[in-house]
Amino acid sequence: MASYNENSQIDVSQEEKDKLVAEVIRHVLFKTYQSSGCPIKREDLTQLITKNYRQWSLPAFVINEAREKLSSIFGYEMKELQRSRPSSNRQGRASQQGTAEAKSYVLVSKVPSEIYSKYIEDKRTSHVTGFTFTVISIVHLAGGKISEENLWHQLRRLGLNESDENHPLFGNTKRTLEMLVQQRYLLKEKVNGPEGNAVLYELAERALDESIGEKLKDYIAQIVSNETTAEAY
């Protein structure tokens, strides 16, 4: 919750603040559902808050209040992401303004995974979750970066082809992969090499989250263990 001093500096009634907080919560929930979990830019939330107000401290106050209520009422962490750049473009220093504009948010359930899986998870979209985790695992095992050609080579071994536009589960498979870029699980970069232009995929901020990393390690360890057991027989 905001401190008294921070609250007192905002010349807006409590009723107006509550309305702004509610509006931000509605926006975040609707956009998360509408865009299949793509991050919501802080800049967009700021514009939503300041369209009728001009206090410099109001956006931070309202967003913090919205995050608190999303946590306590809805059981979601409104997690802040700092936008990653492809490793080849991380040489230059971004300005403070550019860094601020790069911030975004995603909703992460705070419900324990076993309860979420049993009572909340939409089984109709579980194949998308599986695809996401599989692609992240492939890129992780490749050292965090992989060429588009090699990625699709691995996916073809699993029965997914980049030319498939009517897959029974994923529809257009290229668009399904592109969604992982929009959701900030992957970075996509075009590079010039000795053999011409190429496209590289690299793990983005959501895939680099510590919780995802732990699940990847457990998943890979389980696969290795199963293969070792099978070979023993």
C-alpha atoms as a PDB file:
ATOM      1  CA  MET A   1       0.000   0.000   0.000  1.00  0.00           C
ATOM      2  CA  ALA A   2       1.135   3.585  -0.592  1.00  0.00           C
ATOM      3  CA  SER A   3       2.492   5.574   2.342  1.00  0.00           C
ATOM      4  CA  TYR A   4       0.574   8.508   3.837  1.00  0.00           C
ATOM      5  CA  ASN A   5       3.096  11.041   2.472  1.00  0.00           C
ATOM      6  CA  GLU A   6       2.905   9.584  -1.008  1.00  0.00           C
ATOM      7  CA  ASN A   7      -0.885   9.516  -0.870  1.00  0.00           C
ATOM      8  CA  SER A   8      -1.187  13.064   0.464  1.00  0.00           C
ATOM      9  CA  GLN A   9       0.845  14.479  -2.433  1.00  0.00           C
ATOM     10  CA  ILE A  10      -1.840  13.446  -4.928  1.00  0.00           C
ATOM     11  CA  ASP A  11      -4.570  16.033  -5.266  1.00  0.00           C
ATOM     12  CA  VAL A  12      -7.271  13.569  -6.330  1.00  0.00           C
ATOM     13  CA  SER A  13     -10.210  12.396  -4.226  1.00  0.00           C
ATOM     14  CA  GLN A  14     -10.231   8.899  -2.791  1.00  0.00           C
ATOM     15  CA  GLU A  15     -13.240   8.046  -4.935  1.00  0.00           C
ATOM     16  CA  GLU A  16     -11.379   9.074  -8.090  1.00  0.00           C
ATOM     17  CA  LYS A  17      -8.315   7.078  -7.034  1.00  0.00           C
ATOM     18  CA  ASP A  18     -10.447   3.996  -6.447  1.00  0.00           C
ATOM     19  CA  LYS A  19     -12.036   4.387  -9.885  1.00  0.00           C
ATOM     20  CA  LEU A  20      -8.601   4.640 -11.515  1.00  0.00           C
ATOM     21  CA  VAL A  21      -7.358   1.558  -9.668  1.00  0.00           C
ATOM     22  CA  ALA A  22     -10.467  -0.376 -10.749  1.00  0.00           C
ATOM     23  CA  GLU A  23      -9.980   0.793 -14.341  1.00  0.00           C
ATOM     24  CA  VAL A  24      -6.364  -0.389 -14.374  1.00  0.00           C
ATOM     25  CA  ILE A  25      -7.366  -3.778 -12.943  1.00  0.00           C
ATOM     26  CA  ARG A  26     -10.089  -4.213 -15.580  1.00  0.00           C
ATOM     27  CA  HIS A  27      -7.652  -3.207 -18.325  1.00  0.00           C
ATOM     28  CA  VAL A  28      -4.965  -5.638 -17.146  1.00  0.00           C
ATOM     29  CA  LEU A  29      -7.373  -8.575 -16.783  1.00  0.00           C
ATOM     30  CA  PHE A  30      -9.072  -7.921 -20.142  1.00  0.00           C
ATOM     31  CA  LYS A  31      -5.839  -7.379 -22.089  1.00  0.00           C
ATOM     32  CA  THR A  32      -4.235 -10.477 -20.547  1.00  0.00           C
ATOM     33  CA  TYR A  33      -7.184 -12.582 -21.690  1.00  0.00           C
ATOM     34  CA  GLN A  34      -7.550 -10.872 -25.078  1.00  0.00           C
ATOM     35  CA  SER A  35      -3.845 -11.118 -25.994  1.00  0.00           C
ATOM     36  CA  SER A  36      -3.218 -14.639 -24.632  1.00  0.00           C
ATOM     37  CA  GLY A  37      -0.941 -13.380 -21.881  1.00  0.00           C
ATOM     38  CA  CYS A  38       1.181 -10.909 -23.841  1.00  0.00           C
ATOM     39  CA  PRO A  39       2.879  -8.326 -21.574  1.00  0.00           C
ATOM     40  CA  ILE A  40       1.090  -5.045 -20.929  1.00  0.00           C
ATOM     41  CA  LYS A  41       3.252  -1.957 -21.343  1.00  0.00           C
ATOM     42  CA  ARG A  42       3.604   0.352 -18.376  1.00  0.00           C
ATOM     43  CA  GLU A  43       3.381   3.209 -20.858  1.00  0.00           C
ATOM     44  CA  ASP A  44      -0.147   2.106 -21.805  1.00  0.00           C
ATOM     45  CA  LEU A  45      -1.227   2.022 -18.143  1.00  0.00           C
ATOM     46  CA  THR A  46       0.307   5.451 -17.557  1.00  0.00           C
ATOM     47  CA  GLN A  47      -1.642   6.903 -20.494  1.00  0.00           C
ATOM     48  CA  LEU A  48      -4.826   5.322 -19.161  1.00  0.00           C
ATOM     49  CA  ILE A  49      -4.286   6.972 -15.766  1.00  0.00           C
ATOM     50  CA  THR A  50      -3.146  10.398 -16.949  1.00  0.00           C
ATOM     51  CA  LYS A  51      -5.668  11.008 -19.722  1.00  0.00           C
ATOM     52  CA  ASN A  52      -7.685  13.194 -17.296  1.00  0.00           C
ATOM     53  CA  TYR A  53      -5.029  13.896 -14.651  1.00  0.00           C
ATOM     54  CA  ARG A  54      -1.569  15.424 -14.691  1.00  0.00           C
ATOM     55  CA  GLN A  55      -0.027  14.652 -11.275  1.00  0.00           C
ATOM     56  CA  TRP A  56       3.400  13.127 -11.828  1.00  0.00           C
ATOM     57  CA  SER A  57       3.116  10.679  -8.912  1.00  0.00           C
ATOM     58  CA  LEU A  58      -0.391   9.415  -9.742  1.00  0.00           C
ATOM     59  CA  PRO A  59       0.532   6.574 -12.171  1.00  0.00           C
ATOM     60  CA  ALA A  60       2.963   4.970  -9.716  1.00  0.00           C
ATOM     61  CA  PHE A  61       0.413   5.204  -6.893  1.00  0.00           C
ATOM     62  CA  VAL A  62      -2.464   3.741  -8.956  1.00  0.00           C
ATOM     63  CA  ILE A  63      -0.370   0.933 -10.454  1.00  0.00           C
ATOM     64  CA  ASN A  64       0.959  -0.056  -7.022  1.00  0.00           C
ATOM     65  CA  GLU A  65      -2.584  -0.085  -5.621  1.00  0.00           C
ATOM     66  CA  ALA A  66      -3.780  -2.178  -8.580  1.00  0.00           C
ATOM     67  CA  ARG A  67      -0.945  -4.657  -8.041  1.00  0.00           C
ATOM     68  CA  GLU A  68      -1.862  -4.936  -4.354  1.00  0.00           C
ATOM     69  CA  LYS A  69      -5.542  -5.627  -5.103  1.00  0.00           C
ATOM     70  CA  LEU A  70      -4.784  -8.086  -7.902  1.00  0.00           C
ATOM     71  CA  SER A  71      -2.695 -10.004  -5.393  1.00  0.00           C
ATOM     72  CA  SER A  72      -5.025  -9.884  -2.385  1.00  0.00           C
ATOM     73  CA  ILE A  73      -8.348 -10.269  -4.221  1.00  0.00           C
ATOM     74  CA  PHE A  74      -7.618 -12.164  -7.436  1.00  0.00           C
ATOM     75  CA  GLY A  75      -4.540 -14.155  -6.422  1.00  0.00           C
ATOM     76  CA  TYR A  76      -2.370 -12.755  -9.227  1.00  0.00           C
ATOM     77  CA  GLU A  77       1.100 -11.272  -9.058  1.00  0.00           C
ATOM     78  CA  MET A  78       1.318  -8.388 -11.501  1.00  0.00           C
ATOM     79  CA  LYS A  79       4.953  -9.059 -12.311  1.00  0.00           C
ATOM     80  CA  GLU A  80       7.144  -6.355 -13.783  1.00  0.00           C
ATOM     81  CA  LEU A  81       9.347  -7.296 -16.726  1.00  0.00           C
ATOM     82  CA  GLN A  82      12.414  -5.416 -17.865  1.00  0.00           C
ATOM     83  CA  ARG A  83      12.477  -5.863 -21.633  1.00  0.00           C
ATOM     84  CA  SER A  84      15.453  -7.883 -22.835  1.00  0.00           C
ATOM     85  CA  ARG A  85      17.435  -7.112 -25.953  1.00  0.00           C
ATOM     86  CA  PRO A  86      19.108  -9.620 -28.268  1.00  0.00           C
ATOM     87  CA  SER A  87      22.606 -10.340 -26.933  1.00  0.00           C
ATOM     88  CA  SER A  88      24.198  -8.792 -30.029  1.00  0.00           C
ATOM     89  CA  ASN A  89      22.431  -5.476 -29.297  1.00  0.00           C
ATOM     90  CA  ARG A  90      23.297  -5.145 -25.608  1.00  0.00           C
ATOM     91  CA  GLN A  91      26.428  -3.101 -26.148  1.00  0.00           C
ATOM     92  CA  GLY A  92      24.893   0.372 -26.103  1.00  0.00           C
ATOM     93  CA  ARG A  93      23.438   1.940 -22.991  1.00  0.00           C
ATOM     94  CA  ALA A  94      19.750   2.816 -23.097  1.00  0.00           C
ATOM     95  CA  SER A  95      18.643   6.201 -21.813  1.00  0.00           C
ATOM     96  CA  GLN A  96      16.650   6.402 -18.601  1.00  0.00           C
ATOM     97  CA  GLN A  97      13.558   7.289 -20.619  1.00  0.00           C
ATOM     98  CA  GLY A  98      14.037   4.318 -22.915  1.00  0.00           C
ATOM     99  CA  THR A  99      14.461   2.003 -19.931  1.00  0.00           C
ATOM    100  CA  ALA A 100      11.233   3.250 -18.341  1.00  0.00           C
ATOM    101  CA  GLU A 101       9.274   2.809 -21.564  1.00  0.00           C
ATOM    102  CA  ALA A 102      10.550  -0.748 -21.833  1.00  0.00           C
ATOM    103  CA  LYS A 103       8.882  -1.871 -18.607  1.00  0.00           C
ATOM    104  CA  SER A 104       5.825  -4.089 -18.863  1.00  0.00           C
ATOM    105  CA  TYR A 105       3.700  -6.404 -16.735  1.00  0.00           C
ATOM    106  CA  VAL A 106       2.332  -9.946 -16.900  1.00  0.00           C
ATOM    107  CA  LEU A 107      -0.075 -11.703 -14.566  1.00  0.00           C
ATOM    108  CA  VAL A 108       1.294 -14.757 -12.758  1.00  0.00           C
ATOM    109  CA  SER A 109      -0.983 -16.916 -10.627  1.00  0.00           C
ATOM    110  CA  LYS A 110       0.020 -17.191  -6.960  1.00  0.00           C
ATOM    111  CA  VAL A 111      -2.025 -20.364  -6.534  1.00  0.00           C
ATOM    112  CA  PRO A 112       0.151 -23.471  -5.876  1.00  0.00           C
ATOM    113  CA  SER A 113       0.818 -25.318  -9.136  1.00  0.00           C
ATOM    114  CA  GLU A 114      -0.927 -28.553  -8.135  1.00  0.00           C
ATOM    115  CA  ILE A 115      -4.111 -26.670  -7.155  1.00  0.00           C
ATOM    116  CA  TYR A 116      -3.934 -24.445 -10.230  1.00  0.00           C
ATOM    117  CA  SER A 117      -3.585 -27.490 -12.486  1.00  0.00           C
ATOM    118  CA  LYS A 118      -6.519 -29.283 -10.848  1.00  0.00           C
ATOM    119  CA  TYR A 119      -9.061 -26.486 -10.454  1.00  0.00           C
ATOM    120  CA  ILE A 120      -8.074 -23.459 -12.575  1.00  0.00           C
ATOM    121  CA  GLU A 121      -6.041 -24.431 -15.625  1.00  0.00           C
ATOM    122  CA  ASP A 122      -7.985 -24.494 -18.877  1.00  0.00           C
ATOM    123  CA  LYS A 123      -7.317 -27.977 -20.255  1.00  0.00           C
ATOM    124  CA  ARG A 124      -8.377 -26.769 -23.694  1.00  0.00           C
ATOM    125  CA  THR A 125      -5.174 -24.702 -23.915  1.00  0.00           C
ATOM    126  CA  SER A 126      -2.813 -27.159 -22.206  1.00  0.00           C
ATOM    127  CA  HIS A 127      -1.293 -28.068 -25.595  1.00  0.00           C
ATOM    128  CA  VAL A 128      -0.143 -24.451 -25.975  1.00  0.00           C
ATOM    129  CA  THR A 129       1.525 -24.588 -22.564  1.00  0.00           C
ATOM    130  CA  GLY A 130       3.237 -27.810 -23.615  1.00  0.00           C
ATOM    131  CA  PHE A 131       4.424 -26.241 -26.867  1.00  0.00           C
ATOM    132  CA  THR A 132       5.798 -23.225 -25.010  1.00  0.00           C
ATOM    133  CA  PHE A 133       7.707 -25.357 -22.526  1.00  0.00           C
ATOM    134  CA  THR A 134       9.056 -27.610 -25.291  1.00  0.00           C
ATOM    135  CA  VAL A 135      10.364 -24.699 -27.367  1.00  0.00           C
ATOM    136  CA  ILE A 136      11.953 -23.043 -24.314  1.00  0.00           C
ATOM    137  CA  SER A 137      13.597 -26.369 -23.428  1.00  0.00           C
ATOM    138  CA  ILE A 138      15.032 -26.747 -26.940  1.00  0.00           C
ATOM    139  CA  VAL A 139      16.480 -23.218 -26.916  1.00  0.00           C
ATOM    140  CA  HIS A 140      17.795 -23.712 -23.367  1.00  0.00           C
ATOM    141  CA  LEU A 141      19.593 -26.942 -24.334  1.00  0.00           C
ATOM    142  CA  ALA A 142      21.063 -25.146 -27.355  1.00  0.00           C
ATOM    143  CA  GLY A 143      22.775 -22.698 -24.981  1.00  0.00           C
ATOM    144  CA  GLY A 144      20.050 -20.056 -24.865  1.00  0.00           C
ATOM    145  CA  LYS A 145      20.159 -19.240 -28.573  1.00  0.00           C
ATOM    146  CA  ILE A 146      19.295 -21.231 -31.698  1.00  0.00           C
ATOM    147  CA  SER A 147      18.867 -20.586 -35.403  1.00  0.00           C
ATOM    148  CA  GLU A 148      15.381 -20.732 -36.870  1.00  0.00           C
ATOM    149  CA  GLU A 149      16.511 -23.573 -39.132  1.00  0.00           C
ATOM    150  CA  ASN A 150      17.777 -25.695 -36.225  1.00  0.00           C
ATOM    151  CA  LEU A 151      14.728 -24.956 -34.084  1.00  0.00           C
ATOM    152  CA  TRP A 152      12.348 -26.164 -36.769  1.00  0.00           C
ATOM    153  CA  HIS A 153      14.592 -29.187 -37.344  1.00  0.00           C
ATOM    154  CA  GLN A 154      14.014 -30.180 -33.721  1.00  0.00           C
ATOM    155  CA  LEU A 155      10.286 -29.425 -33.892  1.00  0.00           C
ATOM    156  CA  ARG A 156       9.911 -31.532 -37.054  1.00  0.00           C
ATOM    157  CA  ARG A 157      11.232 -34.469 -35.050  1.00  0.00           C
ATOM    158  CA  LEU A 158       8.209 -33.936 -32.796  1.00  0.00           C
ATOM    159  CA  GLY A 159       5.806 -33.856 -35.736  1.00  0.00           C
ATOM    160  CA  LEU A 160       5.536 -30.072 -36.152  1.00  0.00           C
ATOM    161  CA  ASN A 161       6.314 -28.549 -39.543  1.00  0.00           C
ATOM    162  CA  GLU A 162       6.795 -24.848 -40.251  1.00  0.00           C
ATOM    163  CA  SER A 163       4.754 -25.131 -43.450  1.00  0.00           C
ATOM    164  CA  ASP A 164       1.698 -26.488 -41.626  1.00  0.00           C
ATOM    165  CA  GLU A 165      -1.103 -23.907 -41.612  1.00  0.00           C
ATOM    166  CA  ASN A 166      -3.863 -26.240 -40.389  1.00  0.00           C
ATOM    167  CA  HIS A 167      -2.396 -28.312 -37.591  1.00  0.00           C
ATOM    168  CA  PRO A 168      -5.229 -29.980 -35.593  1.00  0.00           C
ATOM    169  CA  LEU A 169      -3.998 -28.411 -32.336  1.00  0.00           C
ATOM    170  CA  PHE A 170      -1.932 -25.360 -33.283  1.00  0.00           C
ATOM    171  CA  GLY A 171      -3.409 -24.216 -36.585  1.00  0.00           C
ATOM    172  CA  ASN A 172      -0.682 -22.153 -38.237  1.00  0.00           C
ATOM    173  CA  THR A 173       2.478 -23.439 -36.522  1.00  0.00           C
ATOM    174  CA  LYS A 174       4.586 -20.430 -37.543  1.00  0.00           C
ATOM    175  CA  ARG A 175       2.081 -18.078 -35.904  1.00  0.00           C
ATOM    176  CA  THR A 176       2.094 -20.225 -32.774  1.00  0.00           C
ATOM    177  CA  LEU A 177       5.875 -19.855 -32.566  1.00  0.00           C
ATOM    178  CA  GLU A 178       5.613 -16.121 -33.254  1.00  0.00           C
ATOM    179  CA  MET A 179       3.202 -15.811 -30.316  1.00  0.00           C
ATOM    180  CA  LEU A 180       6.062 -16.850 -28.007  1.00  0.00           C
ATOM    181  CA  VAL A 181       7.974 -13.799 -29.236  1.00  0.00           C
ATOM    182  CA  GLN A 182       5.006 -11.527 -28.528  1.00  0.00           C
ATOM    183  CA  GLN A 183       4.586 -13.094 -25.094  1.00  0.00           C
ATOM    184  CA  ARG A 184       8.280 -12.390 -24.382  1.00  0.00           C
ATOM    185  CA  TYR A 185       9.394 -15.988 -23.974  1.00  0.00           C
ATOM    186  CA  LEU A 186      11.642 -15.620 -27.029  1.00  0.00           C
ATOM    187  CA  LEU A 187      13.612 -12.898 -28.762  1.00  0.00           C
ATOM    188  CA  LYS A 188      13.774 -12.998 -32.550  1.00  0.00           C
ATOM    189  CA  GLU A 189      16.644 -11.385 -34.406  1.00  0.00           C
ATOM    190  CA  LYS A 190      17.735 -11.224 -38.025  1.00  0.00           C
ATOM    191  CA  VAL A 191      21.518 -11.411 -38.450  1.00  0.00           C
ATOM    192  CA  ASN A 192      23.924 -11.218 -41.359  1.00  0.00           C
ATOM    193  CA  GLY A 193      26.397 -14.076 -41.609  1.00  0.00           C
ATOM    194  CA  PRO A 194      28.943 -15.428 -44.087  1.00  0.00           C
ATOM    195  CA  GLU A 195      26.226 -17.568 -45.665  1.00  0.00           C
ATOM    196  CA  GLY A 196      23.681 -14.768 -45.871  1.00  0.00           C
ATOM    197  CA  ASN A 197      20.818 -13.631 -43.661  1.00  0.00           C
ATOM    198  CA  ALA A 198      19.596 -15.842 -40.840  1.00  0.00           C
ATOM    199  CA  VAL A 199      17.027 -15.671 -38.044  1.00  0.00           C
ATOM    200  CA  LEU A 200      18.013 -16.458 -34.462  1.00  0.00           C
ATOM    201  CA  TYR A 201      15.773 -17.183 -31.492  1.00  0.00           C
ATOM    202  CA  GLU A 202      17.009 -16.398 -28.001  1.00  0.00           C
ATOM    203  CA  LEU A 203      15.463 -16.806 -24.553  1.00  0.00           C
ATOM    204  CA  ALA A 204      13.662 -13.618 -23.455  1.00  0.00           C
ATOM    205  CA  GLU A 205      12.896 -12.311 -19.971  1.00  0.00           C
ATOM    206  CA  ARG A 206       9.940 -14.575 -19.199  1.00  0.00           C
ATOM    207  CA  ALA A 207      11.860 -17.711 -20.146  1.00  0.00           C
ATOM    208  CA  LEU A 208      14.808 -16.520 -18.046  1.00  0.00           C
ATOM    209  CA  ASP A 209      12.661 -16.190 -14.919  1.00  0.00           C
ATOM    210  CA  GLU A 210      14.041 -18.221 -12.010  1.00  0.00           C
ATOM    211  CA  SER A 211      10.823 -20.239 -11.583  1.00  0.00           C
ATOM    212  CA  ILE A 212      10.901 -21.290 -15.251  1.00  0.00           C
ATOM    213  CA  GLY A 213      14.578 -22.213 -14.922  1.00  0.00           C
ATOM    214  CA  GLU A 214      13.856 -24.546 -12.010  1.00  0.00           C
ATOM    215  CA  LYS A 215      11.042 -26.272 -13.912  1.00  0.00           C
ATOM    216  CA  LEU A 216      13.331 -26.706 -16.932  1.00  0.00           C
ATOM    217  CA  LYS A 217      16.029 -28.350 -14.816  1.00  0.00           C
ATOM    218  CA  ASP A 218      13.508 -30.738 -13.252  1.00  0.00           C
ATOM    219  CA  TYR A 219      11.982 -31.554 -16.655  1.00  0.00           C
ATOM    220  CA  ILE A 220      15.348 -32.216 -18.325  1.00  0.00           C
ATOM    221  CA  ALA A 221      16.574 -34.264 -15.351  1.00  0.00           C
ATOM    222  CA  GLN A 222      13.407 -36.375 -15.556  1.00  0.00           C
ATOM    223  CA  ILE A 223      13.928 -37.037 -19.280  1.00  0.00           C
ATOM    224  CA  VAL A 224      17.568 -38.020 -18.734  1.00  0.00           C
ATOM    225  CA  SER A 225      16.550 -40.305 -15.871  1.00  0.00           C
ATOM    226  CA  ASN A 226      13.860 -42.000 -17.975  1.00  0.00           C
ATOM    227  CA  GLU A 227      16.271 -42.534 -20.879  1.00  0.00           C
ATOM    228  CA  THR A 228      18.895 -43.993 -18.534  1.00  0.00           C
ATOM    229  CA  THR A 229      16.312 -46.365 -17.059  1.00  0.00           C
ATOM    230  CA  ALA A 230      15.146 -47.438 -20.526  1.00  0.00           C
ATOM    231  CA  GLU A 231      18.719 -48.152 -21.635  1.00  0.00           C
ATOM    232  CA  ALA A 232      19.270 -50.269 -18.525  1.00  0.00           C
ATOM    233  CA  TYR A 233      16.450 -52.560 -19.612  1.00  0.00           C
END
